[in-house]
C-alpha atoms as a PDB file:
ATOM      1  CA  MET A   1     116.795 164.632 118.356  1.00  0.00           C
ATOM      2  CA  PRO A   2     119.463 162.407 116.571  1.00  0.00           C
ATOM      3  CA  PHE A   3     120.804 159.547 118.635  1.00  0.00           C
ATOM      4  CA  THR A   4     122.729 156.166 118.554  1.00  0.00           C
ATOM      5  CA  LEU A   5     121.813 152.804 118.910  1.00  0.00           C
ATOM      6  CA  LYS A   6     124.225 150.152 119.571  1.00  0.00           C
ATOM      7  CA  ILE A   7     122.278 146.840 118.181  1.00  0.00           C
ATOM      8  CA  ALA A   8     123.840 143.784 119.576  1.00  0.00           C
ATOM      9  CA  SER A   9     123.775 139.750 117.546  1.00  0.00           C
ATOM     10  CA  TRP A  10     124.403 136.650 118.719  1.00  0.00           C
ATOM     11  CA  ASN A  11     123.232 132.823 118.564  1.00  0.00           C
ATOM     12  CA  ILE A  12     124.103 131.607 122.068  1.00  0.00           C
ATOM     13  CA  ALA A  13     123.747 127.825 121.435  1.00  0.00           C
ATOM     14  CA  GLY A  14     121.146 127.479 125.039  1.00  0.00           C
ATOM     15  CA  GLY A  15     124.649 129.445 126.339  1.00  0.00           C
ATOM     16  CA  HIS A  16     127.045 126.922 125.750  1.00  0.00           C
ATOM     17  CA  THR A  17     130.115 126.879 125.121  1.00  0.00           C
ATOM     18  CA  ILE A  18     132.283 125.630 122.716  1.00  0.00           C
ATOM     19  CA  ARG A  19     135.050 123.096 123.407  1.00  0.00           C
ATOM     20  CA  SER A  20     136.392 123.015 119.843  1.00  0.00           C
ATOM     21  CA  ASN A  21     136.006 124.081 116.387  1.00  0.00           C
ATOM     22  CA  LYS A  22     134.267 120.697 115.255  1.00  0.00           C
ATOM     23  CA  GLN A  23     130.354 121.137 114.674  1.00  0.00           C
ATOM     24  CA  PHE A  24     128.024 120.718 117.685  1.00  0.00           C
ATOM     25  CA  ASP A  25     131.252 119.988 120.115  1.00  0.00           C
ATOM     26  CA  TYR A  26     129.459 121.648 122.919  1.00  0.00           C
ATOM     27  CA  ASP A  27     130.070 122.321 126.865  1.00  0.00           C
ATOM     28  CA  GLU A  28     128.279 119.514 128.626  1.00  0.00           C
ATOM     29  CA  GLN A  29     127.227 122.174 131.014  1.00  0.00           C
ATOM     30  CA  GLU A  30     125.109 125.529 130.363  1.00  0.00           C
ATOM     31  CA  ASN A  31     127.849 128.507 130.795  1.00  0.00           C
ATOM     32  CA  ILE A  32     125.544 131.111 131.438  1.00  0.00           C
ATOM     33  CA  GLU A  33     127.923 134.152 133.406  1.00  0.00           C
ATOM     34  CA  TYR A  34     130.660 133.875 129.751  1.00  0.00           C
ATOM     35  CA  PHE A  35     128.051 135.256 127.422  1.00  0.00           C
ATOM     36  CA  ILE A  36     126.341 137.842 130.474  1.00  0.00           C
ATOM     37  CA  GLY A  37     130.304 138.847 131.419  1.00  0.00           C
ATOM     38  CA  GLN A  38     130.906 139.291 126.948  1.00  0.00           C
ATOM     39  CA  LEU A  39     127.259 141.195 126.914  1.00  0.00           C
ATOM     40  CA  LEU A  40     128.661 143.669 129.683  1.00  0.00           C
ATOM     41  CA  ALA A  41     131.726 144.732 128.490  1.00  0.00           C
ATOM     42  CA  LEU A  42     130.013 145.133 125.256  1.00  0.00           C
ATOM     43  CA  ASP A  43     127.376 147.175 126.975  1.00  0.00           C
ATOM     44  CA  ALA A  44     125.064 147.329 123.793  1.00  0.00           C
ATOM     45  CA  ASP A  45     121.357 149.265 124.362  1.00  0.00           C
ATOM     46  CA  VAL A  46     119.436 146.280 122.162  1.00  0.00           C
ATOM     47  CA  ILE A  47     120.762 142.695 122.279  1.00  0.00           C
ATOM     48  CA  CYS A  48     119.514 140.135 119.954  1.00  0.00           C
ATOM     49  CA  LEU A  49     118.933 136.246 120.915  1.00  0.00           C
ATOM     50  CA  GLN A  50     119.302 133.768 118.414  1.00  0.00           C
ATOM     51  CA  GLU A  51     118.890 129.740 120.129  1.00  0.00           C
ATOM     52  CA  SER A  52     118.741 130.722 123.345  1.00  0.00           C
ATOM     53  CA  HIS A  53     116.299 128.461 125.712  1.00  0.00           C
ATOM     54  CA  TRP A  54     113.548 128.465 127.369  1.00  0.00           C
ATOM     55  CA  HIS A  55     111.643 126.609 129.643  1.00  0.00           C
ATOM     56  CA  PRO A  56     108.092 127.522 131.523  1.00  0.00           C
ATOM     57  CA  GLU A  57     110.089 127.970 134.856  1.00  0.00           C
ATOM     58  CA  LYS A  58     113.808 129.028 133.273  1.00  0.00           C
ATOM     59  CA  SER A  59     114.174 131.306 130.377  1.00  0.00           C
ATOM     60  CA  LEU A  60     117.654 131.729 129.806  1.00  0.00           C
ATOM     61  CA  SER A  61     116.980 135.077 127.548  1.00  0.00           C
ATOM     62  CA  TYR A  62     114.793 136.361 130.958  1.00  0.00           C
ATOM     63  CA  ARG A  63     117.965 135.638 133.000  1.00  0.00           C
ATOM     64  CA  ILE A  64     120.644 137.625 131.077  1.00  0.00           C
ATOM     65  CA  ALA A  65     118.553 140.527 130.575  1.00  0.00           C
ATOM     66  CA  ALA A  66     118.285 140.217 134.601  1.00  0.00           C
ATOM     67  CA  ALA A  67     121.995 140.146 135.027  1.00  0.00           C
ATOM     68  CA  LEU A  68     121.800 142.740 132.446  1.00  0.00           C
ATOM     69  CA  ASP A  69     119.741 144.969 134.192  1.00  0.00           C
ATOM     70  CA  PHE A  70     117.562 145.056 131.030  1.00  0.00           C
ATOM     71  CA  PRO A  71     113.959 145.987 131.922  1.00  0.00           C
ATOM     72  CA  PHE A  72     112.523 144.775 128.302  1.00  0.00           C
ATOM     73  CA  VAL A  73     111.855 141.614 126.839  1.00  0.00           C
ATOM     74  CA  PHE A  74     110.706 139.835 123.648  1.00  0.00           C
ATOM     75  CA  GLU A  75     110.494 135.881 123.997  1.00  0.00           C
ATOM     76  CA  THR A  76     108.982 133.878 120.772  1.00  0.00           C
ATOM     77  CA  ILE A  77     109.770 130.126 121.175  1.00  0.00           C
ATOM     78  CA  ASN A  78     110.429 127.876 118.797  1.00  0.00           C
ATOM     79  CA  SER A  79     110.836 124.301 118.368  1.00  0.00           C
ATOM     80  CA  PRO A  80     112.493 121.748 120.805  1.00  0.00           C
ATOM     81  CA  SER A  81     116.297 122.707 121.464  1.00  0.00           C
ATOM     82  CA  GLY A  82     119.019 120.327 119.790  1.00  0.00           C
ATOM     83  CA  ILE A  83     121.068 121.005 122.377  1.00  0.00           C
ATOM     84  CA  ASP A  84     119.159 120.287 125.626  1.00  0.00           C
ATOM     85  CA  PRO A  85     116.299 118.276 125.384  1.00  0.00           C
ATOM     86  CA  ALA A  86     114.793 119.885 128.154  1.00  0.00           C
ATOM     87  CA  PHE A  87     113.962 122.928 126.150  1.00  0.00           C
ATOM     88  CA  LYS A  88     112.944 124.754 123.918  1.00  0.00           C
ATOM     89  CA  GLU A  89     114.839 126.828 121.585  1.00  0.00           C
ATOM     90  CA  SER A  90     113.574 130.466 121.579  1.00  0.00           C
ATOM     91  CA  THR A  91     114.776 133.674 119.868  1.00  0.00           C
ATOM     92  CA  ALA A  92     114.476 137.006 121.882  1.00  0.00           C
ATOM     93  CA  VAL A  93     115.189 140.919 122.211  1.00  0.00           C
ATOM     94  CA  LEU A  94     116.586 142.480 124.814  1.00  0.00           C
ATOM     95  CA  SER A  95     116.282 146.284 125.584  1.00  0.00           C
ATOM     96  CA  LYS A  96     117.241 148.779 127.730  1.00  0.00           C
ATOM     97  CA  ALA A  97     113.970 151.269 126.851  1.00  0.00           C
ATOM     98  CA  PRO A  98     110.550 150.029 126.202  1.00  0.00           C
ATOM     99  CA  LEU A  99     109.725 147.876 123.203  1.00  0.00           C
ATOM    100  CA  GLU A 100     106.218 148.321 120.941  1.00  0.00           C
ATOM    101  CA  ASN A 101     103.871 146.822 118.652  1.00  0.00           C
ATOM    102  CA  THR A 102     105.531 143.487 118.836  1.00  0.00           C
ATOM    103  CA  GLN A 103     104.902 140.874 116.132  1.00  0.00           C
ATOM    104  CA  GLU A 104     106.368 137.509 115.333  1.00  0.00           C
ATOM    105  CA  PHE A 105     106.218 135.275 112.602  1.00  0.00           C
ATOM    106  CA  CYS A 106     106.637 131.666 111.844  1.00  0.00           C
ATOM    107  CA  LEU A 107     108.945 132.028 108.389  1.00  0.00           C
ATOM    108  CA  PRO A 108     107.852 129.492 105.685  1.00  0.00           C
ATOM    109  CA  TYR A 109     108.731 126.130 106.369  1.00  0.00           C
ATOM    110  CA  PRO A 110     110.670 123.508 103.192  1.00  0.00           C
ATOM    111  CA  LYS A 111     108.181 121.994 100.728  1.00  0.00           C
ATOM    112  CA  PHE A 112     111.438 120.045 100.189  1.00  0.00           C
ATOM    113  CA  ASP A 113     112.378 116.436 102.070  1.00  0.00           C
ATOM    114  CA  LEU A 114     115.025 117.648 104.861  1.00  0.00           C
ATOM    115  CA  PHE A 115     116.904 114.593 105.947  1.00  0.00           C
ATOM    116  CA  LEU A 116     119.872 113.953 108.751  1.00  0.00           C
ATOM    117  CA  PRO A 117     123.443 113.590 107.411  1.00  0.00           C
ATOM    118  CA  ASP A 118     123.048 109.550 108.551  1.00  0.00           C
ATOM    119  CA  GLY A 119     119.612 109.666 106.240  1.00  0.00           C
ATOM    120  CA  SER A 120     117.042 109.741 108.739  1.00  0.00           C
ATOM    121  CA  PRO A 121     114.282 111.998 108.338  1.00  0.00           C
ATOM    122  CA  ALA A 122     114.525 115.525 109.998  1.00  0.00           C
ATOM    123  CA  ALA A 123     111.713 116.388 113.240  1.00  0.00           C
ATOM    124  CA  ARG A 124     110.490 120.292 112.129  1.00  0.00           C
ATOM    125  CA  TRP A 125     112.303 123.017 113.488  1.00  0.00           C
ATOM    126  CA  ASP A 126     110.216 126.095 112.544  1.00  0.00           C
ATOM    127  CA  LYS A 127     112.364 129.392 112.726  1.00  0.00           C
ATOM    128  CA  TYR A 128     110.712 133.316 113.420  1.00  0.00           C
ATOM    129  CA  LEU A 129     110.849 136.415 112.890  1.00  0.00           C
ATOM    130  CA  GLN A 130     110.778 138.774 115.364  1.00  0.00           C
ATOM    131  CA  VAL A 131     109.672 142.686 114.957  1.00  0.00           C
ATOM    132  CA  CYS A 132     109.113 145.713 117.397  1.00  0.00           C
ATOM    133  CA  GLU A 133     110.032 149.204 117.623  1.00  0.00           C
ATOM    134  CA  ILE A 134     112.056 150.623 119.887  1.00  0.00           C
ATOM    135  CA  GLN A 135     112.594 154.368 120.681  1.00  0.00           C
ATOM    136  CA  GLY A 136     111.106 154.597 117.657  1.00  0.00           C
ATOM    137  CA  VAL A 137     113.281 152.276 115.020  1.00  0.00           C
ATOM    138  CA  ARG A 138     112.533 149.280 113.826  1.00  0.00           C
ATOM    139  CA  ILE A 139     113.929 145.795 114.082  1.00  0.00           C
ATOM    140  CA  GLY A 140     113.637 142.599 112.791  1.00  0.00           C
ATOM    141  CA  ASN A 141     115.295 139.700 114.644  1.00  0.00           C
ATOM    142  CA  ILE A 142     115.705 136.036 112.452  1.00  0.00           C
ATOM    143  CA  HIS A 143     117.044 132.713 112.900  1.00  0.00           C
ATOM    144  CA  THR A 144     116.487 130.550 109.346  1.00  0.00           C
ATOM    145  CA  GLN A 145     116.703 127.353 108.477  1.00  0.00           C
ATOM    146  CA  PRO A 146     120.311 126.012 108.379  1.00  0.00           C
ATOM    147  CA  LEU A 147     119.489 124.123 104.909  1.00  0.00           C
ATOM    148  CA  GLY A 148     122.913 123.815 104.437  1.00  0.00           C
ATOM    149  CA  TYR A 149     122.901 120.769 107.475  1.00  0.00           C
ATOM    150  CA  PHE A 150     120.041 119.110 105.320  1.00  0.00           C
ATOM    151  CA  GLY A 151     122.684 118.970 102.687  1.00  0.00           C
ATOM    152  CA  TYR A 152     120.605 122.231 100.387  1.00  0.00           C
ATOM    153  CA  ASN A 153     121.942 125.452  99.576  1.00  0.00           C
ATOM    154  CA  TYR A 154     119.999 128.836  99.633  1.00  0.00           C
ATOM    155  CA  GLN A 155     121.592 129.532  96.557  1.00  0.00           C
ATOM    156  CA  VAL A 156     121.261 126.372  94.257  1.00  0.00           C
ATOM    157  CA  GLU A 157     117.957 124.755  92.920  1.00  0.00           C
ATOM    158  CA  ALA A 158     115.238 124.101  95.765  1.00  0.00           C
ATOM    159  CA  GLY A 159     116.838 126.209  98.015  1.00  0.00           C
ATOM    160  CA  VAL A 160     116.370 129.286  95.752  1.00  0.00           C
ATOM    161  CA  GLY A 161     112.818 128.907  95.433  1.00  0.00           C
ATOM    162  CA  TYR A 162     112.367 128.900  98.758  1.00  0.00           C
ATOM    163  CA  ALA A 163     114.433 131.821  99.713  1.00  0.00           C
ATOM    164  CA  LYS A 164     111.930 133.573  97.414  1.00  0.00           C
ATOM    165  CA  GLU A 165     109.598 132.408  99.846  1.00  0.00           C
ATOM    166  CA  ILE A 166     111.054 134.198 103.036  1.00  0.00           C
ATOM    167  CA  GLU A 167     111.615 137.256 100.625  1.00  0.00           C
ATOM    168  CA  ILE A 168     107.777 137.262 100.924  1.00  0.00           C
ATOM    169  CA  LEU A 169     107.501 136.933 104.277  1.00  0.00           C
ATOM    170  CA  LEU A 170     110.602 139.576 105.157  1.00  0.00           C
ATOM    171  CA  THR A 171     108.550 142.004 102.473  1.00  0.00           C
ATOM    172  CA  GLN A 172     105.618 141.813 104.033  1.00  0.00           C
ATOM    173  CA  GLN A 173     106.283 142.184 107.379  1.00  0.00           C
ATOM    174  CA  LEU A 174     109.530 144.261 107.795  1.00  0.00           C
ATOM    175  CA  LYS A 175     109.000 147.837 106.248  1.00  0.00           C
ATOM    176  CA  GLU A 176     111.136 150.415 106.100  1.00  0.00           C
ATOM    177  CA  PRO A 177     113.280 151.837 107.599  1.00  0.00           C
ATOM    178  CA  PHE A 178     114.360 149.139 109.772  1.00  0.00           C
ATOM    179  CA  ILE A 179     117.675 147.288 111.261  1.00  0.00           C
ATOM    180  CA  LEU A 180     117.556 143.147 110.461  1.00  0.00           C
ATOM    181  CA  VAL A 181     119.631 141.607 112.439  1.00  0.00           C
ATOM    182  CA  GLY A 182     120.191 137.354 112.927  1.00  0.00           C
ATOM    183  CA  ASP A 183     121.379 133.495 112.275  1.00  0.00           C
ATOM    184  CA  PHE A 184     121.012 133.784 108.269  1.00  0.00           C
ATOM    185  CA  ASN A 185     122.445 130.427 107.826  1.00  0.00           C
ATOM    186  CA  THR A 186     124.175 130.889 104.090  1.00  0.00           C
ATOM    187  CA  GLN A 187     127.146 132.766 103.367  1.00  0.00           C
ATOM    188  CA  LYS A 188     126.010 135.676 100.624  1.00  0.00           C
ATOM    189  CA  ALA A 189     123.191 136.348 102.310  1.00  0.00           C
ATOM    190  CA  ASN A 190     122.737 139.650  99.552  1.00  0.00           C
ATOM    191  CA  ARG A 191     122.744 136.638  96.650  1.00  0.00           C
ATOM    192  CA  ALA A 192     120.465 134.228  98.559  1.00  0.00           C
ATOM    193  CA  PHE A 193     118.069 137.349  99.091  1.00  0.00           C
ATOM    194  CA  GLU A 194     119.361 139.221  96.178  1.00  0.00           C
ATOM    195  CA  ARG A 195     115.994 140.812  95.156  1.00  0.00           C
ATOM    196  CA  TRP A 196     114.938 141.750  98.395  1.00  0.00           C
ATOM    197  CA  PHE A 197     118.507 143.226  99.180  1.00  0.00           C
ATOM    198  CA  GLN A 198     118.306 145.539  96.444  1.00  0.00           C
ATOM    199  CA  ALA A 199     114.938 146.405  96.719  1.00  0.00           C
ATOM    200  CA  ASN A 200     115.028 148.184 100.044  1.00  0.00           C
ATOM    201  CA  SER A 201     118.970 148.673  99.215  1.00  0.00           C
ATOM    202  CA  LEU A 202     120.271 147.219 102.145  1.00  0.00           C
ATOM    203  CA  ASP A 203     123.665 147.050 103.300  1.00  0.00           C
ATOM    204  CA  ASP A 204     124.838 144.858 106.073  1.00  0.00           C
ATOM    205  CA  ALA A 205     127.118 147.599 108.949  1.00  0.00           C
ATOM    206  CA  LEU A 206     129.638 143.827 109.943  1.00  0.00           C
ATOM    207  CA  PRO A 207     132.827 143.830 108.505  1.00  0.00           C
ATOM    208  CA  GLU A 208     131.537 141.436 105.544  1.00  0.00           C
ATOM    209  CA  GLN A 209     136.065 139.773 105.468  1.00  0.00           C
ATOM    210  CA  LEU A 210     135.358 138.613 108.892  1.00  0.00           C
ATOM    211  CA  PRO A 211     133.856 135.305 109.794  1.00  0.00           C
ATOM    212  CA  THR A 212     131.081 135.411 111.945  1.00  0.00           C
ATOM    213  CA  ARG A 213     132.309 131.800 113.786  1.00  0.00           C
ATOM    214  CA  PRO A 214     134.774 130.090 114.086  1.00  0.00           C
ATOM    215  CA  ASN A 215     134.875 128.003 110.664  1.00  0.00           C
ATOM    216  CA  GLY A 216     135.186 130.765 108.992  1.00  0.00           C
ATOM    217  CA  ASN A 217     132.186 131.362 107.459  1.00  0.00           C
ATOM    218  CA  HIS A 218     129.830 134.603 107.572  1.00  0.00           C
ATOM    219  CA  ILE A 219     126.401 133.804 107.726  1.00  0.00           C
ATOM    220  CA  ASP A 220     125.342 136.524 110.956  1.00  0.00           C
ATOM    221  CA  TYR A 221     124.306 139.650 109.882  1.00  0.00           C
ATOM    222  CA  ILE A 222     123.494 143.273 110.778  1.00  0.00           C
ATOM    223  CA  LEU A 223     121.459 144.489 108.006  1.00  0.00           C
ATOM    224  CA  HIS A 224     120.094 148.111 107.634  1.00  0.00           C
ATOM    225  CA  THR A 225     118.118 150.425 105.615  1.00  0.00           C
ATOM    226  CA  PRO A 226     119.766 153.409 103.975  1.00  0.00           C
ATOM    227  CA  ALA A 227     118.082 155.526 107.039  1.00  0.00           C
ATOM    228  CA  PHE A 228     120.342 154.634 109.727  1.00  0.00           C
ATOM    229  CA  ILE A 229     123.914 155.753 109.263  1.00  0.00           C
ATOM    230  CA  LYS A 230     126.687 153.190 110.849  1.00  0.00           C
ATOM    231  CA  HIS A 231     129.118 154.463 112.949  1.00  0.00           C
ATOM    232  CA  ASP A 232     131.186 152.058 114.039  1.00  0.00           C
ATOM    233  CA  SER A 233     130.734 147.396 113.970  1.00  0.00           C
ATOM    234  CA  GLY A 234     132.408 144.949 115.145  1.00  0.00           C
ATOM    235  CA  ILE A 235     132.242 141.042 115.009  1.00  0.00           C
ATOM    236  CA  ILE A 236     134.208 139.714 118.458  1.00  0.00           C
ATOM    237  CA  SER A 237     135.668 136.223 118.566  1.00  0.00           C
ATOM    238  CA  THR A 238     134.191 134.410 121.626  1.00  0.00           C
ATOM    239  CA  ASN A 239     134.568 130.504 122.697  1.00  0.00           C
ATOM    240  CA  THR A 240     131.422 130.164 120.707  1.00  0.00           C
ATOM    241  CA  ASP A 241     129.937 128.327 117.348  1.00  0.00           C
ATOM    242  CA  HIS A 242     129.044 131.981 116.749  1.00  0.00           C
ATOM    243  CA  TYR A 243     130.392 135.512 117.222  1.00  0.00           C
ATOM    244  CA  LEU A 244     129.133 138.406 118.569  1.00  0.00           C
ATOM    245  CA  CYS A 245     128.057 140.847 116.413  1.00  0.00           C
ATOM    246  CA  TRP A 246     127.710 144.051 116.895  1.00  0.00           C
ATOM    247  CA  ALA A 247     127.017 147.656 115.058  1.00  0.00           C
ATOM    248  CA  GLU A 248     126.116 150.923 116.398  1.00  0.00           C
ATOM    249  CA  PHE A 249     123.876 153.729 114.333  1.00  0.00           C
ATOM    250  CA  THR A 250     123.024 157.112 114.241  1.00  0.00           C
ATOM    251  CA  VAL A 251     119.407 157.443 113.973  1.00  0.00           C
ATOM    252  CA  ILE A 252     118.014 160.420 113.141  1.00  0.00           C
END
């Protein structure tokens, strides 16, 4: 029987709201209540988080899931947090329904040197692709490298070759039909990953003309293959450095 599936995607910056639209201008203290309130109002079936915070005794994803009464959590621990050194970053899938066939894949790391804006070498930040099945629906959650922060672009020179490496991983590990959400850290992802988009006939469920960040960029996506019929979608303007994105699909 056909059913509807409402999925949300949100880079939550370790549960920190922002003081201004300047880069990395976060409120000093975590504000988990704000994020919980936004997610409660949205009432999604599945929530995919990027840049959540993990600590052996304090997982932000699990705390949010508990507050929302989501019994199923799939969390992947990434690299040390750039916001609070007491934590590591994580990506996570929160679900009302059971999670099955959970897998996690470390994305290829750039073969070219990465430097911070001040010229110092960047510490290694590994990023991940999560894949799982929920009610028979294959769902991916991804957070790619912020190449722009290091002075590169997924659509220019060295970034093009790196994008192709990510395409290979996606092709190998994410089989049709699927929904893939996350922070791609690039505008016009359909150009950066053009071959992969075309091979899977992908569409972005989100309104392309609307930004997913306060700076006007659209770098967060809810991608889907033709098997899923989009019923509705939206980008909710929030007091965060990424907006809350969502889409509702009919699953046949």
